[in-house]
C-alpha atoms as a PDB file:
ATOM      1  CA  MET A   1      99.597  97.619-164.469  1.00  0.00           C
ATOM      2  CA  PRO A   2     101.260  99.369-167.451  1.00  0.00           C
ATOM      3  CA  ASN A   3     100.249  98.402-170.932  1.00  0.00           C
ATOM      4  CA  ALA A   4     102.599  95.820-172.359  1.00  0.00           C
ATOM      5  CA  GLU A   5     104.062  96.746-175.719  1.00  0.00           C
ATOM      6  CA  PRO A   6     102.840  94.278-178.366  1.00  0.00           C
ATOM      7  CA  THR A   7     105.579  92.051-179.775  1.00  0.00           C
ATOM      8  CA  ILE A   8     103.774  91.237-183.012  1.00  0.00           C
ATOM      9  CA  GLU A   9     102.813  94.008-185.405  1.00  0.00           C
ATOM     10  CA  SER A  10      99.168  94.132-186.336  1.00  0.00           C
ATOM     11  CA  ALA A  11      98.231  93.819-189.992  1.00  0.00           C
ATOM     12  CA  ALA A  12      96.843  97.359-189.956  1.00  0.00           C
ATOM     13  CA  SER A  13     100.140  98.798-188.731  1.00  0.00           C
ATOM     14  CA  LYS A  14     101.977  97.226-191.686  1.00  0.00           C
ATOM     15  CA  ILE A  15      99.727  98.881-194.268  1.00  0.00           C
ATOM     16  CA  THR A  16     101.232 102.310-194.637  1.00  0.00           C
ATOM     17  CA  PRO A  17     100.594 104.852-197.392  1.00  0.00           C
ATOM     18  CA  LEU A  18     104.030 104.033-198.842  1.00  0.00           C
ATOM     19  CA  PHE A  19     103.212 100.297-198.860  1.00  0.00           C
ATOM     20  CA  ILE A  20      99.947 100.986-200.698  1.00  0.00           C
ATOM     21  CA  LEU A  21     101.713 103.268-203.199  1.00  0.00           C
ATOM     22  CA  GLN A  22     104.430 100.690-203.884  1.00  0.00           C
ATOM     23  CA  PHE A  23     101.852  97.934-204.290  1.00  0.00           C
ATOM     24  CA  CYS A  24      99.730 100.010-206.692  1.00  0.00           C
ATOM     25  CA  VAL A  25     102.729 100.974-208.826  1.00  0.00           C
ATOM     26  CA  VAL A  26     103.798  97.334-209.181  1.00  0.00           C
ATOM     27  CA  ILE A  27     100.251  96.226-210.061  1.00  0.00           C
ATOM     28  CA  ILE A  28      99.961  99.002-212.672  1.00  0.00           C
ATOM     29  CA  VAL A  29     103.309  98.076-214.246  1.00  0.00           C
ATOM     30  CA  ILE A  30     102.330  94.403-214.466  1.00  0.00           C
ATOM     31  CA  LEU A  31      98.942  95.348-215.934  1.00  0.00           C
ATOM     32  CA  ILE A  32     100.693  97.490-218.550  1.00  0.00           C
ATOM     33  CA  VAL A  33     102.699  94.437-219.589  1.00  0.00           C
ATOM     34  CA  VAL A  34      99.620  92.195-219.645  1.00  0.00           C
ATOM     35  CA  PHE A  35      97.317  94.579-221.534  1.00  0.00           C
ATOM     36  CA  ARG A  36      99.950  96.094-223.825  1.00  0.00           C
ATOM     37  CA  PRO A  37      98.882  95.701-227.437  1.00  0.00           C
ATOM     38  CA  GLY A  38     100.932  93.350-229.486  1.00  0.00           C
ATOM     39  CA  GLU A  39     101.863  89.751-229.924  1.00  0.00           C
ATOM     40  CA  TRP A  40     102.363  87.488-226.942  1.00  0.00           C
ATOM     41  CA  THR A  41     105.940  86.507-227.682  1.00  0.00           C
ATOM     42  CA  SER A  42     108.020  84.099-225.656  1.00  0.00           C
ATOM     43  CA  ALA A  43     109.881  87.114-224.242  1.00  0.00           C
ATOM     44  CA  ARG A  44     106.613  88.555-222.961  1.00  0.00           C
ATOM     45  CA  TRP A  45     105.721  85.241-221.290  1.00  0.00           C
ATOM     46  CA  VAL A  46     109.200  84.758-219.810  1.00  0.00           C
ATOM     47  CA  GLY A  47     109.203  88.339-218.509  1.00  0.00           C
ATOM     48  CA  LEU A  48     105.859  87.862-216.808  1.00  0.00           C
ATOM     49  CA  CYS A  49     106.970  84.506-215.410  1.00  0.00           C
ATOM     50  CA  ILE A  50     109.857  86.353-213.757  1.00  0.00           C
ATOM     51  CA  ALA A  51     107.963  89.536-212.823  1.00  0.00           C
ATOM     52  CA  ILE A  52     104.849  88.079-211.184  1.00  0.00           C
ATOM     53  CA  PRO A  53     106.543  85.706-208.698  1.00  0.00           C
ATOM     54  CA  SER A  54     109.128  88.425-208.015  1.00  0.00           C
ATOM     55  CA  ALA A  55     106.324  90.869-207.187  1.00  0.00           C
ATOM     56  CA  VAL A  56     104.688  88.344-204.855  1.00  0.00           C
ATOM     57  CA  LEU A  57     107.983  87.674-203.059  1.00  0.00           C
ATOM     58  CA  LEU A  58     108.815  91.391-202.988  1.00  0.00           C
ATOM     59  CA  PHE A  59     105.583  92.226-201.194  1.00  0.00           C
ATOM     60  CA  THR A  60     105.871  89.189-198.950  1.00  0.00           C
ATOM     61  CA  ALA A  61     109.269  90.506-197.839  1.00  0.00           C
ATOM     62  CA  ARG A  62     107.930  94.059-197.555  1.00  0.00           C
ATOM     63  CA  TRP A  63     105.033  92.785-195.416  1.00  0.00           C
ATOM     64  CA  GLN A  64     107.367  90.767-193.181  1.00  0.00           C
ATOM     65  CA  LEU A  65     109.588  93.811-192.703  1.00  0.00           C
ATOM     66  CA  GLY A  66     106.567  95.824-191.541  1.00  0.00           C
ATOM     67  CA  ARG A  67     107.366  99.066-189.720  1.00  0.00           C
ATOM     68  CA  SER A  68     111.070  98.283-189.901  1.00  0.00           C
ATOM     69  CA  PHE A  69     110.991  99.379-193.557  1.00  0.00           C
ATOM     70  CA  SER A  70     112.592 102.754-194.171  1.00  0.00           C
ATOM     71  CA  VAL A  71     113.824 104.686-197.155  1.00  0.00           C
ATOM     72  CA  THR A  72     117.098 105.541-195.415  1.00  0.00           C
ATOM     73  CA  PRO A  73     119.236 102.936-193.599  1.00  0.00           C
ATOM     74  CA  GLN A  74     117.917 102.565-190.051  1.00  0.00           C
ATOM     75  CA  ALA A  75     118.124  99.832-187.419  1.00  0.00           C
ATOM     76  CA  ARG A  76     114.695  99.620-185.833  1.00  0.00           C
ATOM     77  CA  LYS A  77     114.507  95.850-185.470  1.00  0.00           C
ATOM     78  CA  LEU A  78     116.480  92.884-186.798  1.00  0.00           C
ATOM     79  CA  VAL A  79     113.997  90.978-188.967  1.00  0.00           C
ATOM     80  CA  THR A  80     115.116  87.364-189.401  1.00  0.00           C
ATOM     81  CA  HIS A  81     111.905  85.449-190.099  1.00  0.00           C
ATOM     82  CA  GLY A  82     110.169  84.428-193.318  1.00  0.00           C
ATOM     83  CA  VAL A  83     112.005  85.396-196.497  1.00  0.00           C
ATOM     84  CA  TYR A  84     114.550  87.206-194.324  1.00  0.00           C
ATOM     85  CA  SER A  85     115.640  83.872-192.836  1.00  0.00           C
ATOM     86  CA  LYS A  86     117.319  83.042-196.170  1.00  0.00           C
ATOM     87  CA  ILE A  87     118.004  86.421-197.844  1.00  0.00           C
ATOM     88  CA  ARG A  88     119.156  89.535-195.935  1.00  0.00           C
ATOM     89  CA  ASN A  89     117.928  91.952-198.591  1.00  0.00           C
ATOM     90  CA  PRO A  90     114.986  90.292-200.347  1.00  0.00           C
ATOM     91  CA  ILE A  91     113.401  93.610-201.295  1.00  0.00           C
ATOM     92  CA  TYR A  92     116.469  94.470-203.376  1.00  0.00           C
ATOM     93  CA  VAL A  93     116.733  90.987-204.880  1.00  0.00           C
ATOM     94  CA  PHE A  94     113.080  90.723-205.861  1.00  0.00           C
ATOM     95  CA  SER A  95     112.717  94.319-207.031  1.00  0.00           C
ATOM     96  CA  GLY A  96     115.723  93.759-209.314  1.00  0.00           C
ATOM     97  CA  LEU A  97     114.137  90.573-210.653  1.00  0.00           C
ATOM     98  CA  LEU A  98     110.803  92.364-211.059  1.00  0.00           C
ATOM     99  CA  VAL A  99     112.401  95.125-213.123  1.00  0.00           C
ATOM    100  CA  THR A 100     114.310  92.543-215.162  1.00  0.00           C
ATOM    101  CA  GLY A 101     111.115  90.598-215.864  1.00  0.00           C
ATOM    102  CA  VAL A 102     109.232  93.725-216.915  1.00  0.00           C
ATOM    103  CA  LEU A 103     112.067  94.799-219.205  1.00  0.00           C
ATOM    104  CA  ILE A 104     112.188  91.344-220.801  1.00  0.00           C
ATOM    105  CA  ALA A 105     108.418  91.394-221.314  1.00  0.00           C
ATOM    106  CA  LEU A 106     108.389  94.885-222.808  1.00  0.00           C
ATOM    107  CA  GLN A 107     111.457  94.161-224.955  1.00  0.00           C
ATOM    108  CA  TYR A 108     112.920  97.638-224.646  1.00  0.00           C
ATOM    109  CA  ARG A 109     116.575  96.753-225.197  1.00  0.00           C
ATOM    110  CA  TYR A 110     118.038 100.076-224.151  1.00  0.00           C
ATOM    111  CA  ALA A 111     115.992 100.055-220.959  1.00  0.00           C
ATOM    112  CA  PHE A 112     118.277  97.266-219.723  1.00  0.00           C
ATOM    113  CA  LEU A 113     120.809 100.029-219.104  1.00  0.00           C
ATOM    114  CA  LEU A 114     118.628 100.836-216.104  1.00  0.00           C
ATOM    115  CA  LEU A 115     119.937  97.633-214.508  1.00  0.00           C
ATOM    116  CA  LEU A 116     123.492  98.994-214.800  1.00  0.00           C
ATOM    117  CA  VAL A 117     122.432 101.710-212.377  1.00  0.00           C
ATOM    118  CA  LEU A 118     119.894  99.803-210.275  1.00  0.00           C
ATOM    119  CA  ILE A 119     121.977  96.774-209.315  1.00  0.00           C
ATOM    120  CA  PRO A 120     125.129  98.628-208.149  1.00  0.00           C
ATOM    121  CA  ALA A 121     122.942 101.149-206.287  1.00  0.00           C
ATOM    122  CA  GLN A 122     121.174  98.325-204.470  1.00  0.00           C
ATOM    123  CA  ILE A 123     124.467  96.659-203.576  1.00  0.00           C
ATOM    124  CA  VAL A 124     125.793  99.919-202.131  1.00  0.00           C
ATOM    125  CA  ARG A 125     122.584 100.481-200.222  1.00  0.00           C
ATOM    126  CA  ALA A 126     122.570  96.908-198.860  1.00  0.00           C
ATOM    127  CA  ARG A 127     126.121  97.418-197.587  1.00  0.00           C
ATOM    128  CA  GLN A 128     125.139 100.690-195.897  1.00  0.00           C
ATOM    129  CA  GLU A 129     122.178  99.007-194.224  1.00  0.00           C
ATOM    130  CA  GLY A 130     124.403  96.132-193.139  1.00  0.00           C
ATOM    131  CA  LYS A 131     126.788  98.573-191.429  1.00  0.00           C
ATOM    132  CA  VAL A 132     123.912 100.264-189.596  1.00  0.00           C
ATOM    133  CA  LEU A 133     122.479  96.917-188.477  1.00  0.00           C
ATOM    134  CA  GLU A 134     125.891  95.623-187.388  1.00  0.00           C
ATOM    135  CA  ALA A 135     126.531  98.797-185.380  1.00  0.00           C
ATOM    136  CA  LYS A 136     123.242  98.370-183.503  1.00  0.00           C
ATOM    137  CA  PHE A 137     122.892  94.577-183.221  1.00  0.00           C
ATOM    138  CA  GLY A 138     126.556  93.505-183.252  1.00  0.00           C
ATOM    139  CA  ASP A 139     127.123  89.758-182.873  1.00  0.00           C
ATOM    140  CA  GLU A 140     123.439  88.992-183.381  1.00  0.00           C
ATOM    141  CA  TYR A 141     123.590  90.599-186.842  1.00  0.00           C
ATOM    142  CA  ARG A 142     126.944  89.004-187.702  1.00  0.00           C
ATOM    143  CA  LYS A 143     125.570  85.543-186.865  1.00  0.00           C
ATOM    144  CA  TYR A 144     122.445  86.252-188.931  1.00  0.00           C
ATOM    145  CA  ARG A 145     124.574  87.479-191.856  1.00  0.00           C
ATOM    146  CA  GLU A 146     126.628  84.258-191.845  1.00  0.00           C
ATOM    147  CA  GLY A 147     123.504  82.159-192.361  1.00  0.00           C
ATOM    148  CA  THR A 148     121.918  84.192-195.145  1.00  0.00           C
ATOM    149  CA  TRP A 149     122.610  85.229-198.715  1.00  0.00           C
ATOM    150  CA  PHE A 150     122.977  88.861-199.913  1.00  0.00           C
END
């Protein structure tokens, strides 16, 4: 009898070198905010209150996406569970919120210009991914898109 292909990804298969790198970078950035010398202003607290939950939700979404994650738009599998049941592109949403929280906490005013590049780039990328997913999954993707945000 041929080996049946597993339908659920194992935890080990979701932990890729890129996942570990992304996780470490986010932890380092948050630690920089926490251990940065200086007064704990309300902006620092607000920034961390945005950044930390955003990081948790970002990596929850990244974990749920598993091996379907790619740097370029690809349609490996239509992920519709967990965070993806409500938001089509939670990695973009929560990474944008994470960056916003870090910028608020660090209080580098001119760094907010980064968001003028980041947000439109993520919107363009989300649209490209949507086209790839629609081309592969058709009506299934269109129905999913109707019931989710961004």
